[in-house]
Amino acid sequence: MRAVVQRVSSGKVTVEEETIGSIGTGVVVFLGVGQGDTRTDVLYLAEKIAMLRIFADEQGKMNRSLLDINGQALVVSQFTLYGDVRNGRRPYFGEAASGEMANELYEEFVAAMSDLGVEVATGQFQASMVVSLDNEGPVTILLDSKKNF
């Protein structure tokens, strides 16, 4: 399972010109599910993201987590995180999980974040979405549950 995490002051996702999810201060999480991912991957990434110390403390150091600041998360499914472009110019998505499996683990991830105490907004699985965000810092973190990077 892979995630791109961006620290934001706000974020929203729109489908067919209707805002379906929005947050204030927190993180936007682009989440990709790979073949072979399990609940273990879900729980690892949910806890890692909720506890990432990427928010400033009183001295301006990145010492506070999403939980520490009562921040929100906007979680958007993004199978393209498994796009392989090592050969040629067109991405190959053979490592991405099937739609059914990806949706199941995406929903589990959203629930796991919520269970940790994070207020979560979402995109719409398999929809064409417009995601808008105000990245603070900028801070962008790449995570992989298999620790490939």
Foldseek 3Di string as FASTA:
>chain_A
DKKKKFFFQKKFKDFPNHTQWMFGGDIEIADFAWPPDDVLLLLVVLVCQQAQQQDQDPVGDSGGGCVRVLGAYEYEYDLCVQFDCPDDHGTDSNGGDDQVVGVVSSVSSQVSNVVVPHHYTYDDRPGDMDMDGGGPPGDIDMDDSVPPD
